[in-house]
Amino acid sequence: MSTSTSTNSSIIYTTRLSESDTVTNKLIYQVKQHQLSDRELNKLQARCSKELSDLRNELNVLLHELRVIADLHTDKPLSPSKAA
């Protein structure tokens, strides 16, 4: 599993189930066909819950960064071309 870090943020991006349509479709098929054991389903649920939590945390960081940028631009006076 490869891990890379964004240069502008403290977010660490890793490979996720949701990043691969092939993996997602395969898992959906396996679930619908009852090919996964209870143990496998529990592991899948735990992994999906963790990924969802990670995505929420990343979204919160990005929203915070956007708010900081917006606040910086709000404090600046309008340029003459924008004021007209």
PDB file of N, CA and C in Angstrom:
ATOM      1  N   MET A   1       0.842  -1.174   0.000  1.00  0.00           N
ATOM      2  CA  MET A   1       0.000   0.000   0.000  1.00  0.00           C
ATOM      3  C   MET A   1       0.888   1.238   0.000  1.00  0.00           C
ATOM      4  N   SER A   2       0.744   2.085  -0.992  1.00  0.00           N
ATOM      5  CA  SER A   2       1.579   3.272  -1.087  1.00  0.00           C
ATOM      6  C   SER A   2       0.943   4.429  -0.335  1.00  0.00           C
ATOM      7  N   THR A   3       1.816   5.265   0.219  1.00  0.00           N
ATOM      8  CA  THR A   3       1.345   6.426   0.963  1.00  0.00           C
ATOM      9  C   THR A   3       2.087   7.652   0.462  1.00  0.00           C
ATOM     10  N   SER A   4       1.354   8.714   0.209  1.00  0.00           N
ATOM     11  CA  SER A   4       1.978   9.970  -0.184  1.00  0.00           C
ATOM     12  C   SER A   4       1.379  11.095   0.639  1.00  0.00           C
ATOM     13  N   THR A   5       2.139  12.175   0.785  1.00  0.00           N
ATOM     14  CA  THR A   5       1.671  13.302   1.569  1.00  0.00           C
ATOM     15  C   THR A   5       1.516  14.513   0.674  1.00  0.00           C
ATOM     16  N   SER A   6       0.423  15.224   0.824  1.00  0.00           N
ATOM     17  CA  SER A   6       0.194  16.456   0.073  1.00  0.00           C
ATOM     18  C   SER A   6       1.167  17.518   0.560  1.00  0.00           C
ATOM     19  N   THR A   7       1.654  18.359  -0.351  1.00  0.00           N
ATOM     20  CA  THR A   7       2.626  19.370   0.033  1.00  0.00           C
ATOM     21  C   THR A   7       2.002  20.538   0.777  1.00  0.00           C
ATOM     22  N   ASN A   8       0.730  20.836   0.549  1.00  0.00           N
ATOM     23  CA  ASN A   8       0.091  21.996   1.166  1.00  0.00           C
ATOM     24  C   ASN A   8      -0.757  21.658   2.375  1.00  0.00           C
ATOM     25  N   SER A   9      -0.819  20.400   2.737  1.00  0.00           N
ATOM     26  CA  SER A   9      -1.744  20.012   3.787  1.00  0.00           C
ATOM     27  C   SER A   9      -1.130  18.915   4.643  1.00  0.00           C
ATOM     28  N   SER A  10      -1.704  18.733   5.814  1.00  0.00           N
ATOM     29  CA  SER A  10      -1.227  17.685   6.703  1.00  0.00           C
ATOM     30  C   SER A  10      -1.941  16.365   6.451  1.00  0.00           C
ATOM     31  N   ILE A  11      -2.716  16.300   5.398  1.00  0.00           N
ATOM     32  CA  ILE A  11      -3.494  15.103   5.092  1.00  0.00           C
ATOM     33  C   ILE A  11      -2.598  14.058   4.441  1.00  0.00           C
ATOM     34  N   ILE A  12      -2.736  12.815   4.881  1.00  0.00           N
ATOM     35  CA  ILE A  12      -2.016  11.713   4.265  1.00  0.00           C
ATOM     36  C   ILE A  12      -3.012  10.901   3.455  1.00  0.00           C
ATOM     37  N   TYR A  13      -2.719  10.746   2.158  1.00  0.00           N
ATOM     38  CA  TYR A  13      -3.604  10.008   1.270  1.00  0.00           C
ATOM     39  C   TYR A  13      -3.094   8.585   1.100  1.00  0.00           C
ATOM     40  N   THR A  14      -3.972   7.616   1.245  1.00  0.00           N
ATOM     41  CA  THR A  14      -3.618   6.220   1.053  1.00  0.00           C
ATOM     42  C   THR A  14      -4.640   5.572   0.134  1.00  0.00           C
ATOM     43  N   THR A  15      -4.285   4.410  -0.378  1.00  0.00           N
ATOM     44  CA  THR A  15      -5.208   3.682  -1.235  1.00  0.00           C
ATOM     45  C   THR A  15      -6.428   3.260  -0.420  1.00  0.00           C
ATOM     46  N   ARG A  16      -7.594   3.498  -0.983  1.00  0.00           N
ATOM     47  CA  ARG A  16      -8.852   3.172  -0.309  1.00  0.00           C
ATOM     48  C   ARG A  16      -9.698   2.288  -1.207  1.00  0.00           C
ATOM     49  N   LEU A  17     -10.604   1.583  -0.590  1.00  0.00           N
ATOM     50  CA  LEU A  17     -11.554   0.783  -1.359  1.00  0.00           C
ATOM     51  C   LEU A  17     -12.325   1.655  -2.328  1.00  0.00           C
ATOM     52  N   SER A  18     -12.730   2.815  -1.860  1.00  0.00           N
ATOM     53  CA  SER A  18     -13.573   3.704  -2.660  1.00  0.00           C
ATOM     54  C   SER A  18     -12.828   4.343  -3.834  1.00  0.00           C
ATOM     55  N   GLU A  19     -11.499   4.238  -3.867  1.00  0.00           N
ATOM     56  CA  GLU A  19     -10.735   4.835  -4.957  1.00  0.00           C
ATOM     57  C   GLU A  19     -10.650   3.935  -6.183  1.00  0.00           C
ATOM     58  N   SER A  20     -11.101   2.702  -6.048  1.00  0.00           N
ATOM     59  CA  SER A  20     -11.022   1.763  -7.162  1.00  0.00           C
ATOM     60  C   SER A  20     -12.413   1.242  -7.494  1.00  0.00           C
ATOM     61  N   ASP A  21     -12.898   1.628  -8.667  1.00  0.00           N
ATOM     62  CA  ASP A  21     -14.209   1.128  -9.104  1.00  0.00           C
ATOM     63  C   ASP A  21     -14.200  -0.385  -9.245  1.00  0.00           C
ATOM     64  N   THR A  22     -13.077  -0.941  -9.689  1.00  0.00           N
ATOM     65  CA  THR A  22     -12.979  -2.393  -9.862  1.00  0.00           C
ATOM     66  C   THR A  22     -13.141  -3.111  -8.538  1.00  0.00           C
ATOM     67  N   VAL A  23     -12.433  -2.641  -7.517  1.00  0.00           N
ATOM     68  CA  VAL A  23     -12.522  -3.265  -6.192  1.00  0.00           C
ATOM     69  C   VAL A  23     -13.918  -3.084  -5.621  1.00  0.00           C
ATOM     70  N   THR A  24     -14.459  -1.884  -5.758  1.00  0.00           N
ATOM     71  CA  THR A  24     -15.803  -1.604  -5.246  1.00  0.00           C
ATOM     72  C   THR A  24     -16.833  -2.514  -5.905  1.00  0.00           C
ATOM     73  N   ASN A  25     -16.784  -2.615  -7.223  1.00  0.00           N
ATOM     74  CA  ASN A  25     -17.735  -3.472  -7.942  1.00  0.00           C
ATOM     75  C   ASN A  25     -17.571  -4.943  -7.572  1.00  0.00           C
ATOM     76  N   LYS A  26     -16.334  -5.380  -7.392  1.00  0.00           N
ATOM     77  CA  LYS A  26     -16.095  -6.768  -6.994  1.00  0.00           C
ATOM     78  C   LYS A  26     -16.686  -7.040  -5.612  1.00  0.00           C
ATOM     79  N   LEU A  27     -16.490  -6.111  -4.690  1.00  0.00           N
ATOM     80  CA  LEU A  27     -17.038  -6.281  -3.344  1.00  0.00           C
ATOM     81  C   LEU A  27     -18.563  -6.273  -3.351  1.00  0.00           C
ATOM     82  N   ILE A  28     -19.144  -5.380  -4.140  1.00  0.00           N
ATOM     83  CA  ILE A  28     -20.609  -5.344  -4.246  1.00  0.00           C
ATOM     84  C   ILE A  28     -21.123  -6.683  -4.769  1.00  0.00           C
ATOM     85  N   TYR A  29     -20.477  -7.197  -5.791  1.00  0.00           N
ATOM     86  CA  TYR A  29     -20.879  -8.486  -6.358  1.00  0.00           C
ATOM     87  C   TYR A  29     -20.766  -9.601  -5.318  1.00  0.00           C
ATOM     88  N   GLN A  30     -19.633  -9.619  -4.596  1.00  0.00           N
ATOM     89  CA  GLN A  30     -19.431 -10.663  -3.591  1.00  0.00           C
ATOM     90  C   GLN A  30     -20.467 -10.579  -2.476  1.00  0.00           C
ATOM     91  N   VAL A  31     -20.814  -9.382  -2.073  1.00  0.00           N
ATOM     92  CA  VAL A  31     -21.823  -9.218  -1.020  1.00  0.00           C
ATOM     93  C   VAL A  31     -23.178  -9.692  -1.524  1.00  0.00           C
ATOM     94  N   LYS A  32     -23.551  -9.270  -2.737  1.00  0.00           N
ATOM     95  CA  LYS A  32     -24.850  -9.667  -3.292  1.00  0.00           C
ATOM     96  C   LYS A  32     -24.952 -11.171  -3.512  1.00  0.00           C
ATOM     97  N   GLN A  33     -23.831 -11.809  -3.824  1.00  0.00           N
ATOM     98  CA  GLN A  33     -23.820 -13.249  -4.071  1.00  0.00           C
ATOM     99  C   GLN A  33     -23.581 -14.050  -2.791  1.00  0.00           C
ATOM    100  N   HIS A  34     -23.504 -13.360  -1.652  1.00  0.00           N
ATOM    101  CA  HIS A  34     -23.276 -14.009  -0.347  1.00  0.00           C
ATOM    102  C   HIS A  34     -21.988 -14.822  -0.358  1.00  0.00           C
ATOM    103  N   GLN A  35     -20.938 -14.255  -0.959  1.00  0.00           N
ATOM    104  CA  GLN A  35     -19.664 -14.952  -1.059  1.00  0.00           C
ATOM    105  C   GLN A  35     -18.713 -14.607   0.090  1.00  0.00           C
ATOM    106  N   LEU A  36     -19.102 -13.681   0.943  1.00  0.00           N
ATOM    107  CA  LEU A  36     -18.237 -13.280   2.045  1.00  0.00           C
ATOM    108  C   LEU A  36     -18.752 -13.870   3.352  1.00  0.00           C
ATOM    109  N   SER A  37     -17.818 -14.352   4.153  1.00  0.00           N
ATOM    110  CA  SER A  37     -18.187 -14.910   5.457  1.00  0.00           C
ATOM    111  C   SER A  37     -18.546 -13.765   6.405  1.00  0.00           C
ATOM    112  N   ASP A  38     -19.131 -14.132   7.546  1.00  0.00           N
ATOM    113  CA  ASP A  38     -19.459 -13.113   8.552  1.00  0.00           C
ATOM    114  C   ASP A  38     -18.204 -12.365   8.992  1.00  0.00           C
ATOM    115  N   ARG A  39     -17.122 -13.082   9.148  1.00  0.00           N
ATOM    116  CA  ARG A  39     -15.847 -12.468   9.555  1.00  0.00           C
ATOM    117  C   ARG A  39     -15.375 -11.471   8.499  1.00  0.00           C
ATOM    118  N   GLU A  40     -15.442 -11.864   7.230  1.00  0.00           N
ATOM    119  CA  GLU A  40     -15.030 -10.970   6.143  1.00  0.00           C
ATOM    120  C   GLU A  40     -15.928  -9.741   6.062  1.00  0.00           C
ATOM    121  N   LEU A  41     -17.230  -9.944   6.261  1.00  0.00           N
ATOM    122  CA  LEU A  41     -18.160  -8.812   6.258  1.00  0.00           C
ATOM    123  C   LEU A  41     -17.863  -7.851   7.406  1.00  0.00           C
ATOM    124  N   ASN A  42     -17.539  -8.395   8.566  1.00  0.00           N
ATOM    125  CA  ASN A  42     -17.199  -7.556   9.719  1.00  0.00           C
ATOM    126  C   ASN A  42     -15.926  -6.759   9.460  1.00  0.00           C
ATOM    127  N   LYS A  43     -14.932  -7.413   8.851  1.00  0.00           N
ATOM    128  CA  LYS A  43     -13.683  -6.711   8.510  1.00  0.00           C
ATOM    129  C   LYS A  43     -13.943  -5.617   7.477  1.00  0.00           C
ATOM    130  N   LEU A  44     -14.784  -5.928   6.500  1.00  0.00           N
ATOM    131  CA  LEU A  44     -15.121  -4.953   5.467  1.00  0.00           C
ATOM    132  C   LEU A  44     -15.857  -3.761   6.074  1.00  0.00           C
ATOM    133  N   GLN A  45     -16.791  -4.043   6.958  1.00  0.00           N
ATOM    134  CA  GLN A  45     -17.527  -2.969   7.623  1.00  0.00           C
ATOM    135  C   GLN A  45     -16.592  -2.090   8.445  1.00  0.00           C
ATOM    136  N   ALA A  46     -15.665  -2.704   9.164  1.00  0.00           N
ATOM    137  CA  ALA A  46     -14.714  -1.932   9.969  1.00  0.00           C
ATOM    138  C   ALA A  46     -13.824  -1.067   9.077  1.00  0.00           C
ATOM    139  N   ARG A  47     -13.373  -1.640   7.957  1.00  0.00           N
ATOM    140  CA  ARG A  47     -12.523  -0.873   7.045  1.00  0.00           C
ATOM    141  C   ARG A  47     -13.297   0.297   6.428  1.00  0.00           C
ATOM    142  N   CYS A  48     -14.527   0.043   6.018  1.00  0.00           N
ATOM    143  CA  CYS A  48     -15.353   1.115   5.432  1.00  0.00           C
ATOM    144  C   CYS A  48     -15.641   2.201   6.454  1.00  0.00           C
ATOM    145  N   SER A  49     -15.907   1.813   7.684  1.00  0.00           N
ATOM    146  CA  SER A  49     -16.153   2.808   8.742  1.00  0.00           C
ATOM    147  C   SER A  49     -14.918   3.658   8.981  1.00  0.00           C
ATOM    148  N   LYS A  50     -13.745   3.026   8.984  1.00  0.00           N
ATOM    149  CA  LYS A  50     -12.499   3.771   9.170  1.00  0.00           C
ATOM    150  C   LYS A  50     -12.254   4.710   7.997  1.00  0.00           C
ATOM    151  N   GLU A  51     -12.462   4.221   6.775  1.00  0.00           N
ATOM    152  CA  GLU A  51     -12.275   5.070   5.595  1.00  0.00           C
ATOM    153  C   GLU A  51     -13.229   6.261   5.622  1.00  0.00           C
ATOM    154  N   LEU A  52     -14.463   6.027   6.007  1.00  0.00           N
ATOM    155  CA  LEU A  52     -15.442   7.117   6.087  1.00  0.00           C
ATOM    156  C   LEU A  52     -15.011   8.144   7.125  1.00  0.00           C
ATOM    157  N   SER A  53     -14.546   7.677   8.257  1.00  0.00           N
ATOM    158  CA  SER A  53     -14.063   8.581   9.299  1.00  0.00           C
ATOM    159  C   SER A  53     -12.859   9.379   8.806  1.00  0.00           C
ATOM    160  N   ASP A  54     -11.925   8.706   8.117  1.00  0.00           N
ATOM    161  CA  ASP A  54     -10.755   9.388   7.566  1.00  0.00           C
ATOM    162  C   ASP A  54     -11.171  10.446   6.549  1.00  0.00           C
ATOM    163  N   LEU A  55     -12.120  10.103   5.680  1.00  0.00           N
ATOM    164  CA  LEU A  55     -12.594  11.059   4.671  1.00  0.00           C
ATOM    165  C   LEU A  55     -13.256  12.265   5.321  1.00  0.00           C
ATOM    166  N   ARG A  56     -14.030  12.029   6.371  1.00  0.00           N
ATOM    167  CA  ARG A  56     -14.662  13.150   7.092  1.00  0.00           C
ATOM    168  C   ARG A  56     -13.608  14.064   7.704  1.00  0.00           C
ATOM    169  N   ASN A  57     -12.583  13.451   8.300  1.00  0.00           N
ATOM    170  CA  ASN A  57     -11.510  14.248   8.902  1.00  0.00           C
ATOM    171  C   ASN A  57     -10.774  15.059   7.845  1.00  0.00           C
ATOM    172  N   GLU A  58     -10.483  14.434   6.711  1.00  0.00           N
ATOM    173  CA  GLU A  58      -9.809  15.150   5.620  1.00  0.00           C
ATOM    174  C   GLU A  58     -10.674  16.295   5.105  1.00  0.00           C
ATOM    175  N   LEU A  59     -11.965  16.055   4.981  1.00  0.00           N
ATOM    176  CA  LEU A  59     -12.878  17.105   4.537  1.00  0.00           C
ATOM    177  C   LEU A  59     -12.886  18.265   5.524  1.00  0.00           C
ATOM    178  N   ASN A  60     -12.886  17.967   6.809  1.00  0.00           N
ATOM    179  CA  ASN A  60     -12.853  19.023   7.821  1.00  0.00           C
ATOM    180  C   ASN A  60     -11.584  19.857   7.715  1.00  0.00           C
ATOM    181  N   VAL A  61     -10.439  19.200   7.471  1.00  0.00           N
ATOM    182  CA  VAL A  61      -9.173  19.919   7.308  1.00  0.00           C
ATOM    183  C   VAL A  61      -9.243  20.819   6.077  1.00  0.00           C
ATOM    184  N   LEU A  62      -9.733  20.264   4.962  1.00  0.00           N
ATOM    185  CA  LEU A  62      -9.829  21.051   3.730  1.00  0.00           C
ATOM    186  C   LEU A  62     -10.778  22.238   3.886  1.00  0.00           C
ATOM    187  N   LEU A  63     -11.909  22.016   4.555  1.00  0.00           N
ATOM    188  CA  LEU A  63     -12.855  23.114   4.792  1.00  0.00           C
ATOM    189  C   LEU A  63     -12.224  24.201   5.649  1.00  0.00           C
ATOM    190  N   HIS A  64     -11.465  23.791   6.648  1.00  0.00           N
ATOM    191  CA  HIS A  64     -10.774  24.762   7.497  1.00  0.00           C
ATOM    192  C   HIS A  64      -9.777  25.571   6.666  1.00  0.00           C
ATOM    193  N   GLU A  65      -9.009  24.876   5.805  1.00  0.00           N
ATOM    194  CA  GLU A  65      -8.044  25.570   4.949  1.00  0.00           C
ATOM    195  C   GLU A  65      -8.750  26.556   4.015  1.00  0.00           C
ATOM    196  N   LEU A  66      -9.884  26.148   3.448  1.00  0.00           N
ATOM    197  CA  LEU A  66     -10.638  27.038   2.570  1.00  0.00           C
ATOM    198  C   LEU A  66     -11.168  28.254   3.320  1.00  0.00           C
ATOM    199  N   ARG A  67     -11.619  28.045   4.551  1.00  0.00           N
ATOM    200  CA  ARG A  67     -12.109  29.173   5.353  1.00  0.00           C
ATOM    201  C   ARG A  67     -10.989  30.155   5.666  1.00  0.00           C
ATOM    202  N   VAL A  68      -9.797  29.630   5.947  1.00  0.00           N
ATOM    203  CA  VAL A  68      -8.647  30.505   6.206  1.00  0.00           C
ATOM    204  C   VAL A  68      -8.331  31.333   4.966  1.00  0.00           C
ATOM    205  N   ILE A  69      -8.323  30.675   3.807  1.00  0.00           N
ATOM    206  CA  ILE A  69      -8.064  31.389   2.543  1.00  0.00           C
ATOM    207  C   ILE A  69      -9.142  32.433   2.298  1.00  0.00           C
ATOM    208  N   ALA A  70     -10.396  32.064   2.505  1.00  0.00           N
ATOM    209  CA  ALA A  70     -11.502  33.009   2.297  1.00  0.00           C
ATOM    210  C   ALA A  70     -11.378  34.194   3.240  1.00  0.00           C
ATOM    211  N   ASP A  71     -11.011  33.940   4.493  1.00  0.00           N
ATOM    212  CA  ASP A  71     -10.846  35.033   5.454  1.00  0.00           C
ATOM    213  C   ASP A  71      -9.714  35.963   5.046  1.00  0.00           C
ATOM    214  N   LEU A  72      -8.633  35.412   4.509  1.00  0.00           N
ATOM    215  CA  LEU A  72      -7.513  36.240   4.059  1.00  0.00           C
ATOM    216  C   LEU A  72      -7.945  37.150   2.915  1.00  0.00           C
ATOM    217  N   HIS A  73      -8.740  36.627   2.013  1.00  0.00           N
ATOM    218  CA  HIS A  73      -9.196  37.416   0.872  1.00  0.00           C
ATOM    219  C   HIS A  73     -10.289  38.404   1.261  1.00  0.00           C
ATOM    220  N   THR A  74     -11.045  38.117   2.271  1.00  0.00           N
ATOM    221  CA  THR A  74     -12.093  39.016   2.734  1.00  0.00           C
ATOM    222  C   THR A  74     -11.494  40.250   3.378  1.00  0.00           C
ATOM    223  N   ASP A  75     -10.350  40.102   4.048  1.00  0.00           N
ATOM    224  CA  ASP A  75      -9.699  41.221   4.732  1.00  0.00           C
ATOM    225  C   ASP A  75      -9.003  42.171   3.777  1.00  0.00           C
ATOM    226  N   LYS A  76      -8.746  41.757   2.538  1.00  0.00           N
ATOM    227  CA  LYS A  76      -8.064  42.611   1.572  1.00  0.00           C
ATOM    228  C   LYS A  76      -9.059  43.573   0.933  1.00  0.00           C
ATOM    229  N   PRO A  77      -8.643  44.814   0.679  1.00  0.00           N
ATOM    230  CA  PRO A  77      -9.534  45.747  -0.026  1.00  0.00           C
ATOM    231  C   PRO A  77      -9.697  45.304  -1.474  1.00  0.00           C
ATOM    232  N   LEU A  78     -10.826  45.635  -2.053  1.00  0.00           N
ATOM    233  CA  LEU A  78     -11.078  45.291  -3.442  1.00  0.00           C
ATOM    234  C   LEU A  78     -10.151  46.076  -4.354  1.00  0.00           C
ATOM    235  N   SER A  79      -9.668  45.417  -5.393  1.00  0.00           N
ATOM    236  CA  SER A  79      -8.849  46.115  -6.380  1.00  0.00           C
ATOM    237  C   SER A  79      -9.765  47.058  -7.170  1.00  0.00           C
ATOM    238  N   PRO A  80      -9.213  48.127  -7.777  1.00  0.00           N
ATOM    239  CA  PRO A  80     -10.048  49.082  -8.501  1.00  0.00           C
ATOM    240  C   PRO A  80     -10.906  48.422  -9.590  1.00  0.00           C
ATOM    241  N   SER A  81     -10.405  47.407 -10.275  1.00  0.00           N
ATOM    242  CA  SER A  81     -11.182  46.770 -11.331  1.00  0.00           C
ATOM    243  C   SER A  81     -12.369  45.994 -10.766  1.00  0.00           C
ATOM    244  N   LYS A  82     -12.233  45.474  -9.559  1.00  0.00           N
ATOM    245  CA  LYS A  82     -13.325  44.716  -8.951  1.00  0.00           C
ATOM    246  C   LYS A  82     -14.328  45.622  -8.252  1.00  0.00           C
ATOM    247  N   ALA A  83     -13.897  46.804  -7.850  1.00  0.00           N
ATOM    248  CA  ALA A  83     -14.776  47.726  -7.129  1.00  0.00           C
ATOM    249  C   ALA A  83     -15.779  48.389  -8.073  1.00  0.00           C
ATOM    250  N   ALA A  84     -15.452  48.458  -9.343  1.00  0.00           N
ATOM    251  CA  ALA A  84     -16.332  49.142 -10.298  1.00  0.00           C
ATOM    252  C   ALA A  84     -17.514  48.345 -10.720  1.00  0.00           C
TER     253      ALA A  84
END
